[in-house]
Amino acid sequence: MTFEKTYEVKKDNRIIIKLPERFKSKKQVKVIIEDVDDSRQEKIKLLRKASKDPLFLSDINEINSDFADSDYELL
């Protein structure tokens, strides 16, 4: 089971991690600390925003329909 989330480092150089409910019965977990590139985080935020954007979703659906027939040609 994997859980990934980015946390802010507090002024006292600490983080507090609240685990999801599905970890309640676990006795051990592995924590890996990795510094986060801010530009990467911004890109992830934009991707999440795009995944809900109606115009973006419309474009994706149009592309899928354009290639729907060609997908069957390979069979």
N, C-alpha and C. Protein backbone atom coordinates (compact mmCIF):
# COMPACT_ATOMS: atom_id res chain seq x y z
N MET A 1 0.85 -1.16 0.00
CA MET A 1 0.00 0.00 0.00
C MET A 1 0.90 1.23 0.00
N THR A 2 0.59 2.18 -0.86
CA THR A 2 1.41 3.38 -0.98
C THR A 2 0.56 4.63 -0.75
N PHE A 3 1.16 5.59 -0.10
CA PHE A 3 0.53 6.88 0.15
C PHE A 3 1.59 7.93 -0.12
N GLU A 4 1.26 8.89 -0.96
CA GLU A 4 2.23 9.95 -1.27
C GLU A 4 1.54 11.29 -1.16
N LYS A 5 2.17 12.19 -0.45
CA LYS A 5 1.63 13.53 -0.28
C LYS A 5 2.80 14.47 0.01
N THR A 6 2.71 15.68 -0.46
CA THR A 6 3.76 16.67 -0.21
C THR A 6 3.36 17.51 1.01
N TYR A 7 4.31 17.68 1.92
CA TYR A 7 4.08 18.43 3.14
C TYR A 7 4.99 19.64 3.21
N GLU A 8 4.52 20.67 3.88
CA GLU A 8 5.35 21.84 4.14
C GLU A 8 6.25 21.55 5.34
N VAL A 9 7.51 21.97 5.25
CA VAL A 9 8.43 21.83 6.37
C VAL A 9 8.20 23.03 7.29
N LYS A 10 7.96 22.75 8.56
CA LYS A 10 7.70 23.81 9.54
C LYS A 10 9.00 24.56 9.86
N LYS A 11 8.86 25.72 10.49
CA LYS A 11 10.03 26.53 10.84
C LYS A 11 11.01 25.79 11.74
N ASP A 12 10.49 24.89 12.57
CA ASP A 12 11.37 24.13 13.46
C ASP A 12 11.92 22.87 12.79
N ASN A 13 11.80 22.82 11.45
CA ASN A 13 12.33 21.73 10.64
C ASN A 13 11.62 20.39 10.91
N ARG A 14 10.32 20.46 11.21
CA ARG A 14 9.53 19.25 11.46
C ARG A 14 8.36 19.18 10.49
N ILE A 15 7.90 17.96 10.29
CA ILE A 15 6.66 17.74 9.55
C ILE A 15 5.78 16.80 10.39
N ILE A 16 4.49 16.93 10.23
CA ILE A 16 3.55 16.04 10.89
C ILE A 16 2.76 15.35 9.79
N ILE A 17 2.79 14.02 9.82
CA ILE A 17 2.14 13.23 8.78
C ILE A 17 0.92 12.54 9.38
N LYS A 18 -0.25 12.85 8.85
CA LYS A 18 -1.47 12.15 9.26
C LYS A 18 -1.74 11.08 8.20
N LEU A 19 -1.68 9.84 8.62
CA LEU A 19 -1.86 8.73 7.69
C LEU A 19 -3.35 8.49 7.42
N PRO A 20 -3.66 8.02 6.22
CA PRO A 20 -5.06 7.69 5.91
C PRO A 20 -5.55 6.53 6.77
N GLU A 21 -6.84 6.41 6.87
CA GLU A 21 -7.47 5.39 7.71
C GLU A 21 -7.02 3.97 7.35
N ARG A 22 -6.73 3.72 6.08
CA ARG A 22 -6.36 2.37 5.65
C ARG A 22 -5.03 1.89 6.26
N PHE A 23 -4.27 2.78 6.87
CA PHE A 23 -3.03 2.41 7.53
C PHE A 23 -3.21 2.10 9.02
N LYS A 24 -4.42 2.18 9.49
CA LYS A 24 -4.69 2.04 10.92
C LYS A 24 -4.17 0.73 11.51
N SER A 25 -4.27 -0.35 10.78
CA SER A 25 -3.86 -1.65 11.31
C SER A 25 -2.38 -1.96 11.09
N LYS A 26 -1.66 -1.08 10.44
CA LYS A 26 -0.24 -1.32 10.14
C LYS A 26 0.63 -1.05 11.36
N LYS A 27 1.65 -1.87 11.52
CA LYS A 27 2.59 -1.72 12.64
C LYS A 27 3.82 -0.92 12.25
N GLN A 28 4.17 -0.94 10.95
CA GLN A 28 5.34 -0.20 10.47
C GLN A 28 5.02 0.41 9.11
N VAL A 29 5.65 1.53 8.85
CA VAL A 29 5.59 2.16 7.53
C VAL A 29 6.98 2.66 7.19
N LYS A 30 7.25 2.80 5.92
CA LYS A 30 8.54 3.33 5.48
C LYS A 30 8.34 4.78 5.07
N VAL A 31 9.20 5.64 5.57
CA VAL A 31 9.15 7.07 5.24
C VAL A 31 10.41 7.41 4.48
N ILE A 32 10.24 8.00 3.31
CA ILE A 32 11.36 8.44 2.49
C ILE A 32 11.24 9.95 2.34
N ILE A 33 12.28 10.66 2.69
CA ILE A 33 12.29 12.12 2.59
C ILE A 33 12.99 12.53 1.32
N GLU A 34 12.31 13.30 0.51
CA GLU A 34 12.86 13.75 -0.78
C GLU A 34 12.51 15.23 -0.94
N ASP A 35 13.51 16.04 -1.25
CA ASP A 35 13.18 17.45 -1.46
C ASP A 35 12.41 17.59 -2.77
N VAL A 36 11.51 18.55 -2.79
CA VAL A 36 10.60 18.72 -3.91
C VAL A 36 10.98 19.96 -4.69
N ASP A 37 11.10 19.78 -5.98
CA ASP A 37 11.35 20.90 -6.87
C ASP A 37 10.05 21.68 -7.00
N ASP A 38 10.07 22.96 -6.65
CA ASP A 38 8.86 23.77 -6.67
C ASP A 38 8.22 23.83 -8.05
N SER A 39 9.03 23.86 -9.10
CA SER A 39 8.46 23.93 -10.44
C SER A 39 7.72 22.63 -10.77
N ARG A 40 8.22 21.50 -10.27
CA ARG A 40 7.53 20.22 -10.47
C ARG A 40 6.18 20.23 -9.76
N GLN A 41 6.17 20.76 -8.54
CA GLN A 41 4.92 20.84 -7.78
C GLN A 41 3.91 21.73 -8.51
N GLU A 42 4.37 22.81 -9.07
CA GLU A 42 3.48 23.71 -9.81
C GLU A 42 2.91 22.99 -11.03
N LYS A 43 3.73 22.21 -11.72
CA LYS A 43 3.26 21.45 -12.88
C LYS A 43 2.20 20.43 -12.48
N ILE A 44 2.40 19.78 -11.36
CA ILE A 44 1.42 18.81 -10.88
C ILE A 44 0.10 19.50 -10.56
N LYS A 45 0.16 20.67 -9.95
CA LYS A 45 -1.06 21.43 -9.66
C LYS A 45 -1.79 21.78 -10.95
N LEU A 46 -1.03 22.20 -11.97
CA LEU A 46 -1.65 22.54 -13.24
C LEU A 46 -2.28 21.32 -13.92
N LEU A 47 -1.62 20.17 -13.82
CA LEU A 47 -2.18 18.95 -14.39
C LEU A 47 -3.49 18.57 -13.69
N ARG A 48 -3.51 18.71 -12.38
CA ARG A 48 -4.74 18.41 -11.64
C ARG A 48 -5.86 19.37 -12.05
N LYS A 49 -5.50 20.61 -12.23
CA LYS A 49 -6.50 21.60 -12.65
C LYS A 49 -7.00 21.29 -14.07
N ALA A 50 -6.10 20.89 -14.95
CA ALA A 50 -6.47 20.56 -16.34
C ALA A 50 -7.40 19.36 -16.39
N SER A 51 -7.22 18.43 -15.48
CA SER A 51 -8.05 17.23 -15.50
C SER A 51 -9.52 17.51 -15.22
N LYS A 52 -9.82 18.72 -14.78
CA LYS A 52 -11.20 19.12 -14.51
C LYS A 52 -11.68 20.22 -15.47
N ASP A 53 -10.80 20.66 -16.34
CA ASP A 53 -11.12 21.75 -17.26
C ASP A 53 -12.00 21.24 -18.40
N PRO A 54 -13.20 21.81 -18.58
CA PRO A 54 -14.13 21.33 -19.62
C PRO A 54 -13.56 21.40 -21.04
N LEU A 55 -12.84 22.45 -21.36
CA LEU A 55 -12.28 22.59 -22.70
C LEU A 55 -11.20 21.53 -22.95
N PHE A 56 -10.35 21.31 -21.98
CA PHE A 56 -9.32 20.28 -22.08
C PHE A 56 -9.96 18.90 -22.25
N LEU A 57 -10.95 18.60 -21.43
CA LEU A 57 -11.63 17.30 -21.51
C LEU A 57 -12.33 17.13 -22.86
N SER A 58 -12.89 18.20 -23.37
CA SER A 58 -13.53 18.16 -24.69
C SER A 58 -12.50 17.84 -25.77
N ASP A 59 -11.33 18.46 -25.69
CA ASP A 59 -10.26 18.18 -26.66
C ASP A 59 -9.82 16.72 -26.59
N ILE A 60 -9.69 16.21 -25.40
CA ILE A 60 -9.28 14.80 -25.22
C ILE A 60 -10.33 13.87 -25.82
N ASN A 61 -11.60 14.14 -25.56
CA ASN A 61 -12.67 13.32 -26.13
C ASN A 61 -12.68 13.37 -27.65
N GLU A 62 -12.42 14.55 -28.21
CA GLU A 62 -12.37 14.69 -29.67
C GLU A 62 -11.21 13.87 -30.26
N ILE A 63 -10.08 13.93 -29.63
CA ILE A 63 -8.92 13.15 -30.09
C ILE A 63 -9.22 11.66 -30.01
N ASN A 64 -9.82 11.23 -28.91
CA ASN A 64 -10.18 9.82 -28.77
C ASN A 64 -11.13 9.37 -29.87
N SER A 65 -12.11 10.19 -30.19
CA SER A 65 -13.06 9.81 -31.24
C SER A 65 -12.39 9.82 -32.62
N ASP A 66 -11.42 10.71 -32.83
CA ASP A 66 -10.69 10.73 -34.10
C ASP A 66 -9.93 9.43 -34.34
N PHE A 67 -9.41 8.83 -33.28
CA PHE A 67 -8.61 7.63 -33.41
C PHE A 67 -9.39 6.34 -33.12
N ALA A 68 -10.65 6.44 -32.78
CA ALA A 68 -11.44 5.26 -32.43
C ALA A 68 -11.46 4.25 -33.57
N ASP A 69 -11.70 4.70 -34.80
CA ASP A 69 -11.78 3.78 -35.94
C ASP A 69 -10.41 3.18 -36.27
N SER A 70 -9.36 3.98 -36.16
CA SER A 70 -8.04 3.47 -36.48
C SER A 70 -7.58 2.41 -35.47
N ASP A 71 -8.07 2.50 -34.24
CA ASP A 71 -7.72 1.47 -33.26
C ASP A 71 -8.22 0.09 -33.69
N TYR A 72 -9.37 0.03 -34.34
CA TYR A 72 -9.93 -1.23 -34.77
C TYR A 72 -9.25 -1.78 -36.01
N GLU A 73 -8.56 -0.92 -36.77
CA GLU A 73 -7.86 -1.38 -37.96
C GLU A 73 -6.70 -2.32 -37.64
N LEU A 74 -6.15 -2.21 -36.45
CA LEU A 74 -5.02 -3.04 -36.06
C LEU A 74 -5.46 -4.46 -35.68
N LEU A 75 -6.72 -4.65 -35.40
CA LEU A 75 -7.20 -5.98 -34.97
C LEU A 75 -7.37 -6.92 -36.09
